[in-house]
Amino acid sequence: MCGIVGIVDAGGVSIQLYYAMYALQHRGQESAGISTFDGTSLCKFKGQGLVADVFSLSILKDLKGMIGIGHVRYPTTGSNLPENIQPLNFQFQDHFISVAHNGNLVNTCELRREYEQAGQIFTTTTDTEIIAKILIDEISTSGCVEDAVHLCMKRMQGSYSVVIMIDGVIYAFRDPLGIKPFCLGKIEKGYIVASESVAIDALGGKFLRDIKPGELIRMDSEGVRCTQIAVAGKRAHCIFEYIYFARADAVMDGVLVYDVRRAIGQKLHEEAPVNADSVCSVPDSGTAYAIGYAERSRIPFVESLMKNRYMGRTFIMPTQRERERAVRIKLNPIPAHLKDKAVVLVDDSIVRGTTSKRIIEMMRDAGAREVHMRIGSPAIKAPCYLGVDMPTRKELIASNKAEDEVRRCITATSLHHISLDALIKATGFDREDLCTGCLTGCYPVLIEGETANPRQVDFVDGTFQSKLGSFEAEST
């Protein structure tokens, strides 16, 4: 679940890319990179760490040009190696190409083996390089980017939102099932595509719309053109974006994430009411849920765990040991709010259970009499193959335990996960338009050894109306 952004701006892009990536930092903390094009050459800089640590003002000033793309990385495919930091940059036939990707392909090994047998050499271990190989091979043959994207969508299986810079043009496309979020916005002197609308907000821009699943966006100094490359009978938006990953103030596929989480909190109370003195969240991901629970239950919301705001997201830390160490540094209980109290503790999810157990132990040490845990997702029972670094079934606490067994493991007084039906109702989508693989073990694409509900994809040509107006579709 990385964050990607592409900007065309007549005033220069490096500073805008920096702020947009900063707004997307929650999507990846391992590394960050920017590539820009100054009219004659590619300017690039990337490094391991947070956006603010990787880039300085002097570095940003050296990233010249009025077009560029950026990436913050959270690794799912590919090791934590410097060569895997995106964007990936290439030069061929006097063209400069830069590629960044959010998502995870499930047929990476098959495609990589095919290209290696044909004599291709890979320099990274990421699936993004596979995407680049498909694109560059087809562009070198046909000279048409639209044909190359068409081929990508035919050959790639899995989730992907991709932004490509080819000389002075940015192309952005989204997989036909719309698994990963992607949106389009207008800024003062140009346009932006980004993983979440919060990146557009950070630049004072106007959110125009979500990029349609299977759609290709072309942006340059002359404006924007939109082409529908493929259409699927159903969609498969990632449910975990709404549960945890997206920022609460993001608008994704027409839905404000905060409203979904608040509605889930309300439904949690309806499904599992409890007599308590206060409602408390595990900040910040549990806050909107807790507010909804407090509103519906009329039990006061009281902050009883204070978050260190300089700490990153522990869920996407690379090792379990780092996640466990970070809990006490990240959260500090407030004894005055907990002593002799029965507390409803609301969080977004339980994955391995170790973090929940440590938080509850901290609250009891601070004087809490009862800790009733309420969770804004159903029990996570299966791994994710499509972009969230979920552990194996063996590591997932709920994969082979009933809810009461999980409750005993984390030492909660009581425990309730939201039902899948209530979760889906809170999102406003039809069940068939969501990927719930991590909750049900049924995935929207074929994955060896797993239950699948593959969606039919048709490839189309044509023109359509967007909020930007009518744009003639390029040949596909």
Protein backbone atom coordinates (compact mmCIF):
# COMPACT_ATOMS: atom_id res chain seq x y z
CA MET A 1 0.00 0.00 0.00
CA CYS A 2 2.34 2.68 -1.24
CA GLY A 3 1.46 6.25 -2.10
CA ILE A 4 1.93 7.65 -5.61
CA VAL A 5 1.50 11.10 -7.12
CA GLY A 6 1.98 12.73 -10.53
CA ILE A 7 1.83 16.47 -11.19
CA VAL A 8 1.87 18.73 -14.24
CA ASP A 9 2.26 22.33 -13.11
CA ALA A 10 3.41 25.38 -15.05
CA GLY A 11 5.09 26.76 -11.92
CA GLY A 12 7.39 23.78 -11.27
CA VAL A 13 6.63 20.55 -9.43
CA SER A 14 9.29 19.51 -6.90
CA ILE A 15 7.85 21.44 -3.94
CA GLN A 16 4.31 20.39 -4.85
CA LEU A 17 5.40 16.75 -5.07
CA TYR A 18 7.07 17.04 -1.66
CA TYR A 19 3.90 18.32 0.03
CA ALA A 20 1.68 15.80 -1.77
CA MET A 21 3.96 12.94 -0.68
CA TYR A 22 4.02 14.32 2.85
CA ALA A 23 0.22 14.08 2.86
CA LEU A 24 0.53 10.45 1.71
CA GLN A 25 3.22 9.52 4.24
CA HIS A 26 0.79 7.25 6.11
CA ARG A 27 0.81 4.95 3.06
CA GLY A 28 4.53 4.18 3.32
CA GLN A 29 7.35 5.01 5.69
CA GLU A 30 10.26 2.98 4.32
CA SER A 31 11.47 5.18 1.46
CA ALA A 32 10.57 8.10 -0.79
CA GLY A 33 11.52 9.24 -4.28
CA ILE A 34 10.86 11.98 -6.84
CA SER A 35 11.57 12.11 -10.58
CA THR A 36 11.07 15.25 -12.67
CA PHE A 37 11.68 16.15 -16.31
CA ASP A 38 13.21 19.53 -17.16
CA GLY A 39 12.63 19.39 -20.93
CA THR A 40 15.91 17.72 -21.84
CA SER A 41 16.79 15.29 -19.05
CA LEU A 42 15.49 13.35 -16.04
CA CYS A 43 16.14 14.79 -12.58
CA LYS A 44 15.76 12.31 -9.73
CA PHE A 45 16.43 11.74 -6.06
CA LYS A 46 15.33 8.97 -3.71
CA GLY A 47 16.36 7.51 -0.40
CA GLN A 48 15.32 5.40 2.58
CA GLY A 49 13.31 7.11 5.32
CA LEU A 50 10.45 9.56 5.68
CA VAL A 51 9.77 12.29 3.12
CA ALA A 52 11.05 15.03 5.44
CA ASP A 53 14.27 13.08 6.06
CA VAL A 54 14.99 12.20 2.43
CA PHE A 55 14.49 15.65 0.88
CA SER A 56 15.99 19.01 1.75
CA LEU A 57 15.24 22.36 0.14
CA SER A 58 18.51 22.27 -1.83
CA ILE A 59 17.65 18.80 -3.19
CA LEU A 60 14.18 19.94 -4.19
CA LYS A 61 15.62 22.98 -5.99
CA ASP A 62 17.79 20.63 -8.06
CA LEU A 63 14.71 18.66 -9.15
CA LYS A 64 13.84 21.02 -11.97
CA GLY A 65 10.93 20.86 -14.36
CA MET A 66 7.21 21.36 -14.62
CA ILE A 67 6.27 17.68 -14.65
CA GLY A 68 7.10 14.96 -12.16
CA ILE A 69 6.06 11.90 -10.16
CA GLY A 70 6.66 10.79 -6.57
CA HIS A 71 6.37 7.66 -4.45
CA VAL A 72 6.36 6.68 -0.77
CA ARG A 73 7.03 2.99 -0.25
CA TYR A 74 5.56 0.34 1.96
CA PRO A 75 7.06 -2.95 0.78
CA THR A 76 4.93 -5.98 -0.06
CA THR A 77 6.82 -7.34 -3.08
CA GLY A 78 10.57 -6.75 -3.07
CA SER A 79 13.06 -6.50 -0.23
CA ASN A 80 14.09 -3.40 1.69
CA LEU A 81 16.91 -2.61 -0.74
CA PRO A 82 18.04 0.78 -2.13
CA GLU A 83 17.52 -0.40 -5.73
CA ASN A 84 13.84 -1.08 -4.98
CA ILE A 85 13.10 2.53 -4.07
CA GLN A 86 10.71 4.12 -6.56
CA PRO A 87 10.20 5.76 -8.97
CA LEU A 88 12.15 3.38 -11.22
CA ASN A 89 13.91 5.29 -13.99
CA PHE A 90 14.83 4.17 -17.52
CA GLN A 91 16.21 5.61 -20.74
CA PHE A 92 15.58 4.09 -24.17
CA GLN A 93 15.46 5.39 -27.76
CA ASP A 94 16.27 8.91 -26.48
CA HIS A 95 13.23 8.85 -24.20
CA PHE A 96 13.24 9.22 -20.41
CA ILE A 97 10.77 7.04 -18.52
CA SER A 98 9.93 6.98 -14.81
CA VAL A 99 7.44 4.56 -13.22
CA ALA A 100 5.80 4.35 -9.77
CA HIS A 101 3.27 1.78 -8.64
CA ASN A 102 0.88 1.16 -5.77
CA GLY A 103 -0.40 -2.40 -5.46
CA ASN A 104 0.76 -5.99 -5.78
CA LEU A 105 0.79 -8.33 -8.77
CA VAL A 106 0.04 -11.99 -8.04
CA ASN A 107 1.65 -13.32 -11.24
CA THR A 108 5.02 -11.56 -10.79
CA CYS A 109 7.07 -14.77 -10.72
CA GLU A 110 5.47 -16.09 -13.91
CA LEU A 111 6.03 -12.82 -15.80
CA ARG A 112 9.57 -12.39 -14.50
CA ARG A 113 10.51 -15.94 -15.52
CA GLU A 114 9.13 -15.32 -19.00
CA TYR A 115 11.18 -12.14 -19.47
CA GLU A 116 14.35 -13.70 -18.04
CA GLN A 117 14.03 -16.64 -20.43
CA ALA A 118 13.81 -14.09 -23.26
CA GLY A 119 17.12 -12.59 -22.12
CA GLN A 120 15.89 -9.64 -20.06
CA ILE A 121 17.92 -8.56 -17.02
CA PHE A 122 16.27 -7.25 -13.86
CA THR A 123 17.96 -4.88 -11.43
CA THR A 124 15.31 -4.89 -8.67
CA THR A 125 13.11 -7.45 -6.92
CA THR A 126 9.90 -5.42 -7.28
CA ASP A 127 6.83 -6.10 -9.38
CA THR A 128 7.04 -2.47 -10.55
CA GLU A 129 9.96 -3.42 -12.79
CA ILE A 130 7.73 -6.06 -14.41
CA ILE A 131 5.20 -3.33 -15.22
CA ALA A 132 7.97 -1.18 -16.69
CA LYS A 133 9.23 -4.07 -18.87
CA ILE A 134 5.77 -4.68 -20.33
CA LEU A 135 5.28 -0.98 -21.02
CA ILE A 136 8.69 -0.32 -22.55
CA ASP A 137 8.67 -3.45 -24.74
CA GLU A 138 5.30 -2.58 -26.22
CA ILE A 139 6.08 1.13 -26.64
CA SER A 140 9.33 0.26 -28.46
CA THR A 141 7.35 -2.00 -30.81
CA SER A 142 4.17 -0.02 -31.47
CA GLY A 143 5.14 3.48 -30.38
CA CYS A 144 1.76 3.78 -28.65
CA VAL A 145 1.40 4.18 -24.88
CA GLU A 146 -2.28 3.29 -25.02
CA ASP A 147 -1.45 -0.05 -26.64
CA ALA A 148 1.15 -0.64 -23.92
CA VAL A 149 -1.34 0.05 -21.13
CA HIS A 150 -3.88 -2.18 -22.89
CA LEU A 151 -1.30 -4.99 -22.86
CA CYS A 152 -0.48 -4.36 -19.19
CA MET A 153 -4.10 -4.76 -18.20
CA LYS A 154 -4.35 -7.97 -20.22
CA ARG A 155 -1.19 -9.52 -18.80
CA MET A 156 -1.07 -8.34 -15.18
CA GLN A 157 -3.08 -10.05 -12.47
CA GLY A 158 -3.55 -8.32 -9.15
CA SER A 159 -3.87 -4.76 -7.93
CA TYR A 160 -2.23 -1.71 -9.42
CA SER A 161 -2.48 2.02 -9.68
CA VAL A 162 0.40 3.22 -11.84
CA VAL A 163 1.84 6.61 -12.75
CA ILE A 164 4.34 6.90 -15.62
CA MET A 165 6.29 9.92 -16.81
CA ILE A 166 7.51 9.73 -20.40
CA ASP A 167 9.47 12.87 -21.22
CA GLY A 168 6.96 15.71 -20.83
CA VAL A 169 3.81 13.58 -20.44
CA ILE A 170 2.31 11.80 -17.42
CA TYR A 171 0.14 8.72 -17.85
CA ALA A 172 -1.83 7.24 -14.96
CA PHE A 173 -3.95 4.10 -14.94
CA ARG A 174 -5.85 1.93 -12.49
CA ASP A 175 -6.59 -1.80 -12.54
CA PRO A 176 -10.00 -2.78 -13.99
CA LEU A 177 -11.31 -3.91 -10.58
CA GLY A 178 -10.35 -0.62 -8.88
CA ILE A 179 -8.66 -2.44 -6.00
CA LYS A 180 -6.27 0.41 -5.23
CA PRO A 181 -7.54 3.99 -4.87
CA PHE A 182 -6.54 6.67 -7.38
CA CYS A 183 -7.93 10.15 -8.01
CA LEU A 184 -7.59 13.21 -10.21
CA GLY A 185 -7.45 16.85 -9.16
CA LYS A 186 -6.94 20.39 -10.43
CA ILE A 187 -4.30 22.63 -8.89
CA GLU A 188 -3.65 26.31 -9.58
CA LYS A 189 -1.51 25.89 -12.68
CA GLY A 190 -2.03 22.28 -13.65
CA TYR A 191 -3.33 18.84 -12.71
CA ILE A 192 -2.52 16.10 -10.22
CA VAL A 193 -3.16 12.36 -9.87
CA ALA A 194 -2.67 10.80 -6.44
CA SER A 195 -3.47 7.75 -4.32
CA GLU A 196 -5.75 9.79 -2.06
CA SER A 197 -7.59 13.10 -2.24
CA VAL A 198 -5.64 14.35 0.79
CA ALA A 199 -2.65 14.99 -1.51
CA ILE A 200 -4.81 17.32 -3.60
CA ASP A 201 -6.04 19.06 -0.43
CA ALA A 202 -2.43 19.61 0.69
CA LEU A 203 -1.82 21.70 -2.44
CA GLY A 204 -5.01 23.71 -2.10
CA GLY A 205 -6.34 21.98 -5.20
CA LYS A 206 -9.79 20.84 -6.24
CA PHE A 207 -10.69 17.17 -6.16
CA LEU A 208 -12.28 16.40 -9.53
CA ARG A 209 -13.10 12.69 -9.37
CA ASP A 210 -11.79 9.21 -8.82
CA ILE A 211 -9.93 7.67 -11.72
CA LYS A 212 -12.22 4.98 -13.06
CA PRO A 213 -11.16 1.35 -12.79
CA GLY A 214 -9.57 0.40 -16.12
CA GLU A 215 -9.12 4.05 -17.12
CA LEU A 216 -6.01 5.75 -18.54
CA ILE A 217 -5.35 9.44 -17.82
CA ARG A 218 -2.93 11.45 -19.97
CA MET A 219 -1.67 14.80 -18.61
CA ASP A 220 0.68 17.34 -20.15
CA SER A 221 1.01 21.09 -20.55
CA GLU A 222 -2.00 21.11 -22.89
CA GLY A 223 -4.39 19.50 -20.40
CA VAL A 224 -5.94 16.11 -19.70
CA ARG A 225 -7.30 13.30 -21.86
CA CYS A 226 -9.12 10.23 -20.55
CA THR A 227 -9.43 6.80 -22.21
CA GLN A 228 -11.37 3.82 -20.93
CA ILE A 229 -9.10 0.85 -21.69
CA ALA A 230 -10.97 -1.92 -19.86
CA VAL A 231 -14.24 -2.49 -18.00
CA ALA A 232 -14.96 -5.19 -15.41
CA GLY A 233 -18.43 -6.46 -14.65
CA LYS A 234 -17.87 -5.77 -10.93
CA ARG A 235 -15.39 -3.83 -8.85
CA ALA A 236 -13.26 -4.96 -5.93
CA HIS A 237 -12.31 -1.93 -3.84
CA CYS A 238 -9.99 -2.90 -0.98
CA ILE A 239 -12.03 -3.03 2.24
CA PHE A 240 -8.90 -2.50 4.35
CA GLU A 241 -8.48 0.99 2.87
CA TYR A 242 -11.71 1.95 4.65
CA ILE A 243 -10.87 -0.02 7.79
CA TYR A 244 -7.32 1.26 8.34
CA PHE A 245 -5.09 2.34 5.54
CA ALA A 246 -6.57 5.52 4.08
CA ARG A 247 -6.55 8.78 6.00
CA ALA A 248 -9.92 9.45 7.60
CA ASP A 249 -10.32 12.74 5.66
CA ALA A 250 -9.81 11.05 2.27
CA VAL A 251 -12.64 10.72 -0.25
CA MET A 252 -12.29 7.36 -2.03
CA ASP A 253 -14.58 6.16 -4.79
CA GLY A 254 -17.17 8.72 -3.77
CA VAL A 255 -17.10 7.93 -0.05
CA LEU A 256 -15.61 9.94 2.84
CA VAL A 257 -13.57 7.47 4.89
CA TYR A 258 -14.36 9.23 8.18
CA ASP A 259 -18.09 8.75 7.64
CA VAL A 260 -17.59 5.02 7.03
CA ARG A 261 -15.60 4.58 10.23
CA ARG A 262 -18.01 6.64 12.30
CA ALA A 263 -20.94 4.56 10.98
CA ILE A 264 -19.06 1.37 11.84
CA GLY A 265 -18.60 2.63 15.41
CA GLN A 266 -22.33 3.23 15.69
CA LYS A 267 -23.07 -0.27 14.43
CA LEU A 268 -20.57 -1.72 16.91
CA HIS A 269 -22.68 -0.39 19.75
CA GLU A 270 -25.86 -1.71 18.17
CA GLU A 271 -24.33 -5.17 17.86
CA ALA A 272 -22.53 -5.29 21.23
CA PRO A 273 -23.68 -2.72 23.82
CA VAL A 274 -21.96 -2.69 27.21
CA ASN A 275 -22.28 -0.76 30.48
CA ALA A 276 -19.16 1.37 30.78
CA ASP A 277 -17.89 4.65 32.18
CA SER A 278 -16.16 5.88 29.03
CA VAL A 279 -15.27 5.14 25.42
CA CYS A 280 -11.62 5.33 24.43
CA SER A 281 -9.89 4.86 21.07
CA VAL A 282 -6.55 3.43 20.11
CA PRO A 283 -5.37 6.63 18.42
CA ASP A 284 -5.47 7.61 15.69
CA SER A 285 -6.88 4.79 13.59
CA GLY A 286 -9.59 3.93 16.13
CA THR A 287 -10.77 7.48 16.84
CA ALA A 288 -13.56 7.82 14.25
CA TYR A 289 -14.92 4.40 15.29
CA ALA A 290 -14.86 5.41 18.97
CA ILE A 291 -16.68 8.67 18.27
CA GLY A 292 -19.42 6.76 16.45
CA TYR A 293 -19.68 4.27 19.32
CA ALA A 294 -19.89 7.09 21.89
CA GLU A 295 -22.55 8.94 19.89
CA ARG A 296 -24.81 5.90 19.61
CA SER A 297 -24.24 4.60 23.15
CA ARG A 298 -24.28 8.04 24.83
CA ILE A 299 -21.27 6.95 26.86
CA PRO A 300 -18.76 9.84 26.97
CA PHE A 301 -15.72 9.69 24.71
CA VAL A 302 -12.64 10.26 26.87
CA GLU A 303 -9.06 10.16 25.61
CA SER A 304 -7.37 7.63 27.89
CA LEU A 305 -4.42 6.78 25.64
CA MET A 306 -2.26 9.66 24.49
CA LYS A 307 -0.37 9.21 21.25
CA ASN A 308 3.16 10.41 20.60
CA ARG A 309 2.50 12.38 17.41
CA TYR A 310 6.09 11.97 16.26
CA MET A 311 5.70 8.21 15.96
CA GLY A 312 4.87 6.57 12.63
CA ARG A 313 2.31 3.86 11.94
CA THR A 314 3.29 0.68 13.77
CA PHE A 315 1.22 -1.58 11.49
CA ILE A 316 3.54 -0.92 8.55
CA MET A 317 6.80 -1.26 10.47
CA PRO A 318 8.80 -4.03 8.80
CA THR A 319 9.23 -6.46 11.72
CA GLN A 320 7.07 -7.73 14.57
CA ARG A 321 9.78 -6.89 17.10
CA GLU A 322 9.80 -3.25 15.98
CA ARG A 323 5.99 -3.10 16.18
CA GLU A 324 5.98 -4.45 19.75
CA ARG A 325 8.74 -2.11 20.91
CA ALA A 326 6.94 0.87 19.44
CA VAL A 327 3.69 0.39 21.36
CA ARG A 328 4.85 1.85 24.67
CA ILE A 329 6.71 4.69 22.98
CA LYS A 330 3.71 5.46 20.80
CA LEU A 331 0.94 5.27 23.44
CA ASN A 332 0.85 6.47 27.03
CA PRO A 333 -2.14 5.69 29.28
CA ILE A 334 -3.72 8.46 31.38
CA PRO A 335 -4.28 6.99 34.89
CA ALA A 336 -6.67 9.77 35.94
CA HIS A 337 -9.03 8.71 33.14
CA LEU A 338 -8.68 4.98 33.79
CA LYS A 339 -8.51 4.35 37.53
CA ASP A 340 -11.40 2.10 38.62
CA LYS A 341 -13.17 2.69 35.29
CA ALA A 342 -14.92 0.30 32.93
CA VAL A 343 -13.71 1.38 29.50
CA VAL A 344 -14.82 0.54 25.95
CA LEU A 345 -11.59 0.40 23.93
CA VAL A 346 -12.20 0.79 20.18
CA ASP A 347 -9.69 -0.07 17.47
CA ASP A 348 -9.76 -0.69 13.73
CA SER A 349 -8.52 -4.30 13.66
CA ILE A 350 -6.65 -7.08 15.43
CA VAL A 351 -3.97 -8.77 13.33
CA ARG A 352 -1.51 -10.75 15.43
CA GLY A 353 -3.03 -9.72 18.76
CA THR A 354 0.25 -8.83 20.47
CA THR A 355 -0.28 -5.06 20.20
CA SER A 356 -3.85 -5.28 21.56
CA LYS A 357 -2.64 -7.38 24.49
CA ARG A 358 0.09 -4.90 25.40
CA ILE A 359 -2.32 -1.94 25.21
CA ILE A 360 -4.85 -3.66 27.47
CA GLU A 361 -2.10 -4.58 29.95
CA MET A 362 -0.97 -0.94 30.00
CA MET A 363 -4.53 0.22 30.70
CA ARG A 364 -4.96 -2.28 33.53
CA ASP A 365 -1.60 -1.22 35.02
CA ALA A 366 -2.94 2.36 34.94
CA GLY A 367 -5.97 1.30 36.99
CA ALA A 368 -8.68 0.27 34.51
CA ARG A 369 -11.19 -2.10 36.11
CA GLU A 370 -12.66 -3.46 32.86
CA VAL A 371 -11.51 -3.17 29.26
CA HIS A 372 -14.21 -4.06 26.69
CA MET A 373 -12.63 -4.24 23.24
CA ARG A 374 -14.68 -3.33 20.17
CA ILE A 375 -13.14 -3.80 16.72
CA GLY A 376 -14.13 -1.97 13.52
CA SER A 377 -13.42 -4.93 11.24
CA PRO A 378 -14.48 -8.57 11.27
CA ALA A 379 -11.81 -11.02 12.39
CA ILE A 380 -8.91 -11.10 9.93
CA LYS A 381 -8.62 -14.74 8.96
CA ALA A 382 -6.58 -14.80 5.74
CA PRO A 383 -3.52 -13.11 4.25
CA CYS A 384 -3.72 -10.32 1.68
CA TYR A 385 -2.05 -10.93 -1.68
CA LEU A 386 -3.07 -7.60 -3.20
CA GLY A 387 -1.04 -4.96 -1.43
CA VAL A 388 -1.38 -5.13 2.36
CA ASP A 389 1.47 -6.88 4.16
CA MET A 390 -0.75 -9.24 6.14
CA PRO A 391 1.06 -12.13 7.84
CA THR A 392 0.50 -15.81 7.17
CA ARG A 393 -2.55 -17.61 8.55
CA LYS A 394 -0.30 -19.09 11.25
CA GLU A 395 0.51 -15.59 12.54
CA LEU A 396 -3.06 -14.24 12.35
CA ILE A 397 -4.57 -14.65 15.81
CA ALA A 398 -8.14 -15.13 14.53
CA SER A 399 -7.33 -17.59 11.73
CA ASN A 400 -7.81 -20.63 13.98
CA LYS A 401 -9.33 -19.18 17.15
CA ALA A 402 -12.90 -18.35 18.06
CA GLU A 403 -13.65 -14.84 19.28
CA ASP A 404 -13.68 -15.84 22.94
CA GLU A 405 -10.28 -17.53 22.56
CA VAL A 406 -8.92 -14.30 21.07
CA ARG A 407 -10.46 -12.38 23.99
CA ARG A 408 -8.59 -14.55 26.48
CA CYS A 409 -5.34 -14.17 24.54
CA ILE A 410 -5.49 -10.38 24.59
CA THR A 411 -6.87 -10.34 28.20
CA ALA A 412 -9.93 -8.20 27.35
CA THR A 413 -13.02 -8.24 29.60
CA SER A 414 -15.14 -8.68 26.48
CA LEU A 415 -14.49 -8.58 22.74
CA HIS A 416 -16.66 -7.98 19.67
CA HIS A 417 -15.74 -7.61 16.00
CA ILE A 418 -18.15 -5.83 13.67
CA SER A 419 -20.10 -8.26 11.49
CA LEU A 420 -19.24 -8.38 7.80
CA ASP A 421 -22.78 -7.38 6.82
CA ALA A 422 -22.68 -4.30 9.08
CA LEU A 423 -19.23 -3.34 7.77
CA ILE A 424 -20.35 -3.56 4.16
CA LYS A 425 -23.51 -1.58 4.89
CA ALA A 426 -21.41 1.18 6.47
CA THR A 427 -19.31 1.54 3.30
CA GLY A 428 -22.37 2.04 1.11
CA PHE A 429 -21.07 -0.41 -1.51
CA ASP A 430 -22.57 -3.67 -2.68
CA ARG A 431 -20.77 -6.71 -1.32
CA GLU A 432 -19.76 -7.74 -4.86
CA ASP A 433 -17.90 -4.44 -5.34
CA LEU A 434 -15.47 -4.94 -2.44
CA CYS A 435 -12.41 -7.13 -1.97
CA THR A 436 -12.86 -8.83 1.42
CA GLY A 437 -10.18 -11.49 0.93
CA CYS A 438 -8.47 -10.91 4.28
CA LEU A 439 -11.82 -11.35 6.07
CA THR A 440 -13.35 -14.18 4.07
CA GLY A 441 -10.52 -15.95 2.26
CA CYS A 442 -12.31 -15.34 -1.06
CA TYR A 443 -10.38 -13.13 -3.50
CA PRO A 444 -11.42 -11.27 -6.67
CA VAL A 445 -8.50 -12.68 -8.71
CA LEU A 446 -7.08 -16.16 -9.13
CA ILE A 447 -4.50 -16.99 -6.45
CA GLU A 448 -3.02 -20.46 -6.29
CA GLY A 449 -4.37 -22.40 -3.32
CA GLU A 450 -7.06 -19.84 -2.45
CA THR A 451 -10.77 -19.46 -3.14
CA ALA A 452 -11.38 -17.01 -5.95
CA ASN A 453 -14.28 -15.09 -7.42
CA PRO A 454 -12.64 -13.87 -10.65
CA ARG A 455 -14.28 -10.89 -12.35
CA GLN A 456 -14.75 -10.76 -16.11
CA VAL A 457 -12.81 -7.92 -17.77
CA ASP A 458 -13.74 -6.56 -21.19
CA PHE A 459 -11.45 -4.29 -23.18
CA VAL A 460 -13.11 -1.34 -24.85
CA ASP A 461 -12.51 1.77 -26.93
CA GLY A 462 -14.47 4.98 -26.74
CA THR A 463 -15.04 8.44 -25.40
CA PHE A 464 -16.89 9.48 -22.27
CA GLN A 465 -17.84 12.54 -20.29
CA SER A 466 -15.92 13.40 -17.15
CA LYS A 467 -16.18 16.27 -14.69
CA LEU A 468 -13.44 17.93 -16.71
CA GLY A 469 -15.66 17.98 -19.77
CA SER A 470 -15.62 15.82 -22.90
CA PHE A 471 -12.30 14.40 -24.00
CA GLU A 472 -11.71 12.49 -27.19
CA ALA A 473 -10.31 9.05 -26.44
CA GLU A 474 -7.00 8.13 -28.01
CA SER A 475 -6.75 4.94 -30.05
CA THR A 476 -6.59 1.75 -28.01
